[in-house]
Amino acid sequence: MEYSILAAGILMGLSAIGAGIGVGILGSKFIEGIARQPELAPFLQGRFFLMMGLTDAVPMIGIGLGMYMLFAL
């Protein structure tokens, strides 16, 4: 039983860390792309928000699975 609590904590923590790193890299590439070609800013902004939303969906799924492991199992 205690291993499932540890596994849920690791699952939620690593998914949050991974999303933080992913959004950081995505943001830096977004700024870099705008610095190189400022005329593409609206196009890049739409793509940036789409990919940021997809990147943030992964830890939400991880937190949902972690909560399931904590409370349902």
PDB file of N, CA and C in Angstrom:
ATOM      1  N   MET A   1       0.820  -1.195   0.000  1.00  0.00           N
ATOM      2  CA  MET A   1       0.000   0.000   0.000  1.00  0.00           C
ATOM      3  C   MET A   1       0.860   1.253   0.000  1.00  0.00           C
ATOM      4  N   GLU A   2       1.942   1.268   0.778  1.00  0.00           N
ATOM      5  CA  GLU A   2       2.762   2.468   0.855  1.00  0.00           C
ATOM      6  C   GLU A   2       3.526   2.733  -0.437  1.00  0.00           C
ATOM      7  N   TYR A   3       3.758   1.700  -1.234  1.00  0.00           N
ATOM      8  CA  TYR A   3       4.448   1.913  -2.499  1.00  0.00           C
ATOM      9  C   TYR A   3       3.558   2.618  -3.517  1.00  0.00           C
ATOM     10  N   SER A   4       2.265   2.411  -3.441  1.00  0.00           N
ATOM     11  CA  SER A   4       1.366   3.098  -4.367  1.00  0.00           C
ATOM     12  C   SER A   4       1.311   4.595  -4.062  1.00  0.00           C
ATOM     13  N   ILE A   5       1.423   4.961  -2.786  1.00  0.00           N
ATOM     14  CA  ILE A   5       1.451   6.380  -2.428  1.00  0.00           C
ATOM     15  C   ILE A   5       2.733   7.017  -2.956  1.00  0.00           C
ATOM     16  N   LEU A   6       3.849   6.331  -2.809  1.00  0.00           N
ATOM     17  CA  LEU A   6       5.120   6.827  -3.329  1.00  0.00           C
ATOM     18  C   LEU A   6       5.085   6.933  -4.852  1.00  0.00           C
ATOM     19  N   ALA A   7       4.523   5.931  -5.512  1.00  0.00           N
ATOM     20  CA  ALA A   7       4.425   5.948  -6.972  1.00  0.00           C
ATOM     21  C   ALA A   7       3.543   7.093  -7.451  1.00  0.00           C
ATOM     22  N   ALA A   8       2.453   7.360  -6.746  1.00  0.00           N
ATOM     23  CA  ALA A   8       1.570   8.458  -7.132  1.00  0.00           C
ATOM     24  C   ALA A   8       2.276   9.798  -6.972  1.00  0.00           C
ATOM     25  N   GLY A   9       3.030   9.968  -5.903  1.00  0.00           N
ATOM     26  CA  GLY A   9       3.776  11.206  -5.703  1.00  0.00           C
ATOM     27  C   GLY A   9       4.828  11.428  -6.764  1.00  0.00           C
ATOM     28  N   ILE A  10       5.544  10.364  -7.097  1.00  0.00           N
ATOM     29  CA  ILE A  10       6.562  10.466  -8.144  1.00  0.00           C
ATOM     30  C   ILE A  10       5.910  10.771  -9.481  1.00  0.00           C
ATOM     31  N   LEU A  11       4.791  10.131  -9.774  1.00  0.00           N
ATOM     32  CA  LEU A  11       4.073  10.354 -11.027  1.00  0.00           C
ATOM     33  C   LEU A  11       3.651  11.811 -11.172  1.00  0.00           C
ATOM     34  N   MET A  12       3.056  12.358 -10.128  1.00  0.00           N
ATOM     35  CA  MET A  12       2.581  13.735 -10.196  1.00  0.00           C
ATOM     36  C   MET A  12       3.747  14.724 -10.235  1.00  0.00           C
ATOM     37  N   GLY A  13       4.781  14.460  -9.461  1.00  0.00           N
ATOM     38  CA  GLY A  13       5.918  15.370  -9.430  1.00  0.00           C
ATOM     39  C   GLY A  13       6.690  15.409 -10.731  1.00  0.00           C
ATOM     40  N   LEU A  14       6.974  14.253 -11.286  1.00  0.00           N
ATOM     41  CA  LEU A  14       7.740  14.219 -12.531  1.00  0.00           C
ATOM     42  C   LEU A  14       6.947  14.759 -13.713  1.00  0.00           C
ATOM     43  N   SER A  15       5.645  14.557 -13.714  1.00  0.00           N
ATOM     44  CA  SER A  15       4.863  15.117 -14.816  1.00  0.00           C
ATOM     45  C   SER A  15       4.845  16.636 -14.740  1.00  0.00           C
ATOM     46  N   ALA A  16       4.801  17.200 -13.531  1.00  0.00           N
ATOM     47  CA  ALA A  16       4.830  18.659 -13.389  1.00  0.00           C
ATOM     48  C   ALA A  16       6.198  19.215 -13.778  1.00  0.00           C
ATOM     49  N   ILE A  17       7.258  18.534 -13.384  1.00  0.00           N
ATOM     50  CA  ILE A  17       8.600  18.989 -13.748  1.00  0.00           C
ATOM     51  C   ILE A  17       8.797  18.921 -15.259  1.00  0.00           C
ATOM     52  N   GLY A  18       8.350  17.835 -15.861  1.00  0.00           N
ATOM     53  CA  GLY A  18       8.485  17.690 -17.311  1.00  0.00           C
ATOM     54  C   GLY A  18       7.726  18.752 -18.069  1.00  0.00           C
ATOM     55  N   ALA A  19       6.537  19.081 -17.620  1.00  0.00           N
ATOM     56  CA  ALA A  19       5.764  20.129 -18.283  1.00  0.00           C
ATOM     57  C   ALA A  19       6.420  21.486 -18.105  1.00  0.00           C
ATOM     58  N   GLY A  20       6.977  21.738 -16.929  1.00  0.00           N
ATOM     59  CA  GLY A  20       7.676  23.003 -16.711  1.00  0.00           C
ATOM     60  C   GLY A  20       8.873  23.165 -17.638  1.00  0.00           C
ATOM     61  N   ILE A  21       9.632  22.110 -17.796  1.00  0.00           N
ATOM     62  CA  ILE A  21      10.776  22.150 -18.706  1.00  0.00           C
ATOM     63  C   ILE A  21      10.306  22.322 -20.143  1.00  0.00           C
ATOM     64  N   GLY A  22       9.251  21.599 -20.515  1.00  0.00           N
ATOM     65  CA  GLY A  22       8.741  21.687 -21.885  1.00  0.00           C
ATOM     66  C   GLY A  22       8.220  23.071 -22.227  1.00  0.00           C
ATOM     67  N   VAL A  23       7.481  23.680 -21.318  1.00  0.00           N
ATOM     68  CA  VAL A  23       6.956  25.026 -21.572  1.00  0.00           C
ATOM     69  C   VAL A  23       8.091  26.036 -21.607  1.00  0.00           C
ATOM     70  N   GLY A  24       9.113  25.837 -20.785  1.00  0.00           N
ATOM     71  CA  GLY A  24      10.271  26.735 -20.810  1.00  0.00           C
ATOM     72  C   GLY A  24      11.007  26.687 -22.136  1.00  0.00           C
ATOM     73  N   ILE A  25      11.239  25.492 -22.635  1.00  0.00           N
ATOM     74  CA  ILE A  25      11.908  25.350 -23.939  1.00  0.00           C
ATOM     75  C   ILE A  25      11.032  25.909 -25.048  1.00  0.00           C
ATOM     76  N   LEU A  26       9.738  25.634 -24.980  1.00  0.00           N
ATOM     77  CA  LEU A  26       8.809  26.135 -25.983  1.00  0.00           C
ATOM     78  C   LEU A  26       8.784  27.658 -25.995  1.00  0.00           C
ATOM     79  N   GLY A  27       8.760  28.273 -24.815  1.00  0.00           N
ATOM     80  CA  GLY A  27       8.761  29.732 -24.734  1.00  0.00           C
ATOM     81  C   GLY A  27      10.043  30.345 -25.260  1.00  0.00           C
ATOM     82  N   SER A  28      11.178  29.710 -24.966  1.00  0.00           N
ATOM     83  CA  SER A  28      12.442  30.259 -25.461  1.00  0.00           C
ATOM     84  C   SER A  28      12.531  30.173 -26.979  1.00  0.00           C
ATOM     85  N   LYS A  29      12.038  29.085 -27.555  1.00  0.00           N
ATOM     86  CA  LYS A  29      12.045  28.969 -29.018  1.00  0.00           C
ATOM     87  C   LYS A  29      11.059  29.941 -29.660  1.00  0.00           C
ATOM     88  N   PHE A  30       9.954  30.208 -28.959  1.00  0.00           N
ATOM     89  CA  PHE A  30       8.978  31.186 -29.450  1.00  0.00           C
ATOM     90  C   PHE A  30       9.606  32.579 -29.513  1.00  0.00           C
ATOM     91  N   ILE A  31      10.277  32.979 -28.440  1.00  0.00           N
ATOM     92  CA  ILE A  31      10.938  34.288 -28.416  1.00  0.00           C
ATOM     93  C   ILE A  31      12.044  34.351 -29.463  1.00  0.00           C
ATOM     94  N   GLU A  32      12.769  33.262 -29.624  1.00  0.00           N
ATOM     95  CA  GLU A  32      13.834  33.208 -30.618  1.00  0.00           C
ATOM     96  C   GLU A  32      13.272  33.349 -32.032  1.00  0.00           C
ATOM     97  N   GLY A  33      12.145  32.688 -32.294  1.00  0.00           N
ATOM     98  CA  GLY A  33      11.529  32.785 -33.615  1.00  0.00           C
ATOM     99  C   GLY A  33      11.016  34.178 -33.910  1.00  0.00           C
ATOM    100  N   ILE A  34      10.451  34.847 -32.908  1.00  0.00           N
ATOM    101  CA  ILE A  34       9.980  36.218 -33.120  1.00  0.00           C
ATOM    102  C   ILE A  34      11.155  37.165 -33.312  1.00  0.00           C
ATOM    103  N   ALA A  35      12.261  36.916 -32.609  1.00  0.00           N
ATOM    104  CA  ALA A  35      13.434  37.769 -32.767  1.00  0.00           C
ATOM    105  C   ALA A  35      14.028  37.629 -34.167  1.00  0.00           C
ATOM    106  N   ARG A  36      13.936  36.434 -34.735  1.00  0.00           N
ATOM    107  CA  ARG A  36      14.489  36.234 -36.080  1.00  0.00           C
ATOM    108  C   ARG A  36      13.585  36.811 -37.164  1.00  0.00           C
ATOM    109  N   GLN A  37      12.274  36.584 -37.033  1.00  0.00           N
ATOM    110  CA  GLN A  37      11.331  37.059 -38.057  1.00  0.00           C
ATOM    111  C   GLN A  37      10.122  37.690 -37.374  1.00  0.00           C
ATOM    112  N   PRO A  38      10.199  38.974 -37.068  1.00  0.00           N
ATOM    113  CA  PRO A  38       9.100  39.619 -36.338  1.00  0.00           C
ATOM    114  C   PRO A  38       7.777  39.642 -37.100  1.00  0.00           C
ATOM    115  N   GLU A  39       7.823  39.559 -38.410  1.00  0.00           N
ATOM    116  CA  GLU A  39       6.581  39.599 -39.184  1.00  0.00           C
ATOM    117  C   GLU A  39       5.745  38.334 -39.029  1.00  0.00           C
ATOM    118  N   LEU A  40       6.333  37.277 -38.529  1.00  0.00           N
ATOM    119  CA  LEU A  40       5.600  36.029 -38.306  1.00  0.00           C
ATOM    120  C   LEU A  40       5.051  35.904 -36.892  1.00  0.00           C
ATOM    121  N   ALA A  41       5.073  36.974 -36.114  1.00  0.00           N
ATOM    122  CA  ALA A  41       4.652  36.923 -34.708  1.00  0.00           C
ATOM    123  C   ALA A  41       3.222  36.417 -34.535  1.00  0.00           C
ATOM    124  N   PRO A  42       2.223  36.900 -35.291  1.00  0.00           N
ATOM    125  CA  PRO A  42       0.865  36.368 -35.068  1.00  0.00           C
ATOM    126  C   PRO A  42       0.739  34.876 -35.390  1.00  0.00           C
ATOM    127  N   PHE A  43       1.402  34.437 -36.427  1.00  0.00           N
ATOM    128  CA  PHE A  43       1.378  33.018 -36.791  1.00  0.00           C
ATOM    129  C   PHE A  43       2.043  32.171 -35.710  1.00  0.00           C
ATOM    130  N   LEU A  44       3.201  32.624 -35.247  1.00  0.00           N
ATOM    131  CA  LEU A  44       3.918  31.878 -34.216  1.00  0.00           C
ATOM    132  C   LEU A  44       3.171  31.892 -32.880  1.00  0.00           C
ATOM    133  N   GLN A  45       2.472  32.984 -32.593  1.00  0.00           N
ATOM    134  CA  GLN A  45       1.750  33.077 -31.330  1.00  0.00           C
ATOM    135  C   GLN A  45       0.617  32.062 -31.266  1.00  0.00           C
ATOM    136  N   GLY A  46      -0.099  31.900 -32.363  1.00  0.00           N
ATOM    137  CA  GLY A  46      -1.158  30.896 -32.397  1.00  0.00           C
ATOM    138  C   GLY A  46      -0.621  29.493 -32.206  1.00  0.00           C
ATOM    139  N   ARG A  47       0.470  29.187 -32.876  1.00  0.00           N
ATOM    140  CA  ARG A  47       1.097  27.866 -32.734  1.00  0.00           C
ATOM    141  C   ARG A  47       1.638  27.657 -31.325  1.00  0.00           C
ATOM    142  N   PHE A  48       2.185  28.736 -30.757  1.00  0.00           N
ATOM    143  CA  PHE A  48       2.734  28.646 -29.405  1.00  0.00           C
ATOM    144  C   PHE A  48       1.647  28.284 -28.392  1.00  0.00           C
ATOM    145  N   PHE A  49       0.502  28.972 -28.451  1.00  0.00           N
ATOM    146  CA  PHE A  49      -0.552  28.700 -27.481  1.00  0.00           C
ATOM    147  C   PHE A  49      -1.162  27.314 -27.684  1.00  0.00           C
ATOM    148  N   LEU A  50      -1.238  26.861 -28.918  1.00  0.00           N
ATOM    149  CA  LEU A  50      -1.729  25.512 -29.179  1.00  0.00           C
ATOM    150  C   LEU A  50      -0.804  24.468 -28.552  1.00  0.00           C
ATOM    151  N   MET A  51       0.487  24.610 -28.795  1.00  0.00           N
ATOM    152  CA  MET A  51       1.434  23.637 -28.272  1.00  0.00           C
ATOM    153  C   MET A  51       1.576  23.744 -26.758  1.00  0.00           C
ATOM    154  N   MET A  52       1.439  24.948 -26.214  1.00  0.00           N
ATOM    155  CA  MET A  52       1.507  25.090 -24.766  1.00  0.00           C
ATOM    156  C   MET A  52       0.319  24.396 -24.103  1.00  0.00           C
ATOM    157  N   GLY A  53      -0.845  24.499 -24.709  1.00  0.00           N
ATOM    158  CA  GLY A  53      -2.011  23.809 -24.166  1.00  0.00           C
ATOM    159  C   GLY A  53      -1.853  22.300 -24.216  1.00  0.00           C
ATOM    160  N   LEU A  54      -1.289  21.797 -25.300  1.00  0.00           N
ATOM    161  CA  LEU A  54      -1.059  20.355 -25.396  1.00  0.00           C
ATOM    162  C   LEU A  54       0.003  19.891 -24.408  1.00  0.00           C
ATOM    163  N   THR A  55       1.016  20.727 -24.203  1.00  0.00           N
ATOM    164  CA  THR A  55       2.067  20.378 -23.252  1.00  0.00           C
ATOM    165  C   THR A  55       1.533  20.376 -21.826  1.00  0.00           C
ATOM    166  N   ASP A  56       0.636  21.298 -21.507  1.00  0.00           N
ATOM    167  CA  ASP A  56       0.073  21.362 -20.163  1.00  0.00           C
ATOM    168  C   ASP A  56      -0.982  20.278 -19.916  1.00  0.00           C
ATOM    169  N   ALA A  57      -1.459  19.640 -20.952  1.00  0.00           N
ATOM    170  CA  ALA A  57      -2.457  18.577 -20.761  1.00  0.00           C
ATOM    171  C   ALA A  57      -1.827  17.320 -20.169  1.00  0.00           C
ATOM    172  N   VAL A  58      -0.554  17.094 -20.443  1.00  0.00           N
ATOM    173  CA  VAL A  58       0.109  15.879 -19.965  1.00  0.00           C
ATOM    174  C   VAL A  58       0.183  15.830 -18.438  1.00  0.00           C
ATOM    175  N   PRO A  59       0.614  16.896 -17.735  1.00  0.00           N
ATOM    176  CA  PRO A  59       0.618  16.777 -16.268  1.00  0.00           C
ATOM    177  C   PRO A  59      -0.777  16.707 -15.667  1.00  0.00           C
ATOM    178  N   MET A  60      -1.768  17.272 -16.344  1.00  0.00           N
ATOM    179  CA  MET A  60      -3.134  17.137 -15.834  1.00  0.00           C
ATOM    180  C   MET A  60      -3.579  15.679 -15.872  1.00  0.00           C
ATOM    181  N   ILE A  61      -3.206  14.971 -16.921  1.00  0.00           N
ATOM    182  CA  ILE A  61      -3.499  13.546 -16.996  1.00  0.00           C
ATOM    183  C   ILE A  61      -2.718  12.794 -15.925  1.00  0.00           C
ATOM    184  N   GLY A  62      -1.455  13.185 -15.726  1.00  0.00           N
ATOM    185  CA  GLY A  62      -0.647  12.552 -14.689  1.00  0.00           C
ATOM    186  C   GLY A  62      -1.202  12.782 -13.297  1.00  0.00           C
ATOM    187  N   ILE A  63      -1.686  13.980 -13.029  1.00  0.00           N
ATOM    188  CA  ILE A  63      -2.278  14.262 -11.725  1.00  0.00           C
ATOM    189  C   ILE A  63      -3.572  13.471 -11.548  1.00  0.00           C
ATOM    190  N   GLY A  64      -4.342  13.367 -12.614  1.00  0.00           N
ATOM    191  CA  GLY A  64      -5.565  12.554 -12.540  1.00  0.00           C
ATOM    192  C   GLY A  64      -5.251  11.099 -12.243  1.00  0.00           C
ATOM    193  N   LEU A  65      -4.238  10.563 -12.900  1.00  0.00           N
ATOM    194  CA  LEU A  65      -3.842   9.174 -12.629  1.00  0.00           C
ATOM    195  C   LEU A  65      -3.296   9.021 -11.209  1.00  0.00           C
ATOM    196  N   GLY A  66      -2.525  10.011 -10.760  1.00  0.00           N
ATOM    197  CA  GLY A  66      -2.002   9.955  -9.406  1.00  0.00           C
ATOM    198  C   GLY A  66      -3.099   9.998  -8.360  1.00  0.00           C
ATOM    199  N   MET A  67      -4.086  10.860  -8.571  1.00  0.00           N
ATOM    200  CA  MET A  67      -5.207  10.920  -7.638  1.00  0.00           C
ATOM    201  C   MET A  67      -6.007   9.616  -7.650  1.00  0.00           C
ATOM    202  N   TYR A  68      -6.134   9.032  -8.822  1.00  0.00           N
ATOM    203  CA  TYR A  68      -6.812   7.727  -8.917  1.00  0.00           C
ATOM    204  C   TYR A  68      -6.054   6.677  -8.111  1.00  0.00           C
ATOM    205  N   MET A  69      -4.732   6.696  -8.245  1.00  0.00           N
ATOM    206  CA  MET A  69      -3.927   5.732  -7.515  1.00  0.00           C
ATOM    207  C   MET A  69      -4.015   5.954  -6.004  1.00  0.00           C
ATOM    208  N   LEU A  70      -4.121   7.203  -5.593  1.00  0.00           N
ATOM    209  CA  LEU A  70      -4.188   7.490  -4.163  1.00  0.00           C
ATOM    210  C   LEU A  70      -5.535   7.121  -3.547  1.00  0.00           C
ATOM    211  N   PHE A  71      -6.611   7.476  -4.222  1.00  0.00           N
ATOM    212  CA  PHE A  71      -7.911   7.390  -3.584  1.00  0.00           C
ATOM    213  C   PHE A  71      -8.762   6.195  -4.026  1.00  0.00           C
ATOM    214  N   ALA A  72      -8.521   5.651  -5.197  1.00  0.00           N
ATOM    215  CA  ALA A  72      -9.391   4.578  -5.674  1.00  0.00           C
ATOM    216  C   ALA A  72      -8.785   3.198  -5.460  1.00  0.00           C
ATOM    217  N   LEU A  73      -7.484   3.122  -5.430  1.00  0.00           N
ATOM    218  CA  LEU A  73      -6.860   1.792  -5.284  1.00  0.00           C
ATOM    219  C   LEU A  73      -6.596   1.440  -3.846  1.00  0.00           C
TER     220      LEU A  73
END
